[in-house]
């Protein structure tokens, strides 16, 4: 193993030991191959060095001399070869491309590489803003919004959500989640056709909603398993701590409400005060929906991430009464329609394409299987079948 300063790190080097921020947050895991974006991320987090595996020099490979070229064949044979070249390779390439999973194709795209770089810059900038707020300094909300908007450029909603789903970092319980909630809240505000000023405020509320988690002990914040009752009681204080941190900093009161109330639920089952329905601020209600959606579509130590249709199902069966009706129904309908015409895999391993969204049962659309059969997942005959993943 060798420890190198950041300026000497190169793409494709293998990280030998986890790279950890001053707050104890792991931003690069051991065994990961460095990318230009990761190296940039180290600079943004003001990390001076990283330990990488030693590069083993490969033994020279002896190459046998190529055989002498055969004499040129008659024209008839040449034409036959040309015919073969035109027929088979195209079919082979086409079949190969169709078998590459969408996620793999997405991650290999230049658009995703640019998004990954912009996302890392946003994370670093958000952490700096959190640090400034905690130190009593003024942060630039205009700059925060400008950076967020850069992640929306030239992207449809489905592209943005798909890219976010591939940026999940289990080791970052604060900053990547806060950025995601800010972006998703902004999407919801646009779906609700809110004025731009309110959409901007909603974005900021999402970005800052979890600032109280910076005061939670790391052993609780980074715990991989489920919390004990005592640990959960400590975790729940992040809402009141967040409002306290943002007090007297010049923020719109609705941003403070979002920090305090994003875990309140319309049926009174939330915290910290057990508020109901109209007692919960609208901005806090929307941030709460974005918060739950991002948490459920992210990996956890005790479960894999859920796909969007599974999340919709969870909301339909357990969450509709917990959230403001006008917000949650708009959100779920748009999320479902976003993935209309997408390729999906069912829990029985069959694959197909979503061809119709059932408005009365958004999580169970009509799917045309690859072999041609069309099935309506809302029919009782398919009650044990559901969409497991979006391809």
Foldseek 3Di string as FASTA:
>chain_A
DDKDFLVPDDFQFFFQQFDAAPLRFGDDHGGDTDDPLVSVLCVLSVNTITHTDDDDDDDDDDDDDDDDDDPDDDPVVVVVVVVVVVPPPVVVVVVVVVPDDPLVVLCPDPLLVVLSNLLSNLLSLLVVCLVCLLVVHADDLVVNLVSLVVNVPPDDPLSSVSSLLVPFDLRDLARSLLQQLLNVQLVLCVLVVHPPVVSSLLSLLSNQLQSLCSVQDPCLSNPQDDDDPVSVVSVQCSLVSSLVSCPPNPRDVVSSLLNNPLQAWQVQPGDDPSDHDPVRDPSNLSSNVSSVQSVQQHCGSVGGRFALLVVLVCCVVPNCRGGHNVRVLSSLVVSLVSQAQFWFAKPVRWIFGFHAADSVRRSFGWTQTPVGDIDGCVDPVNVVMGTGYTD
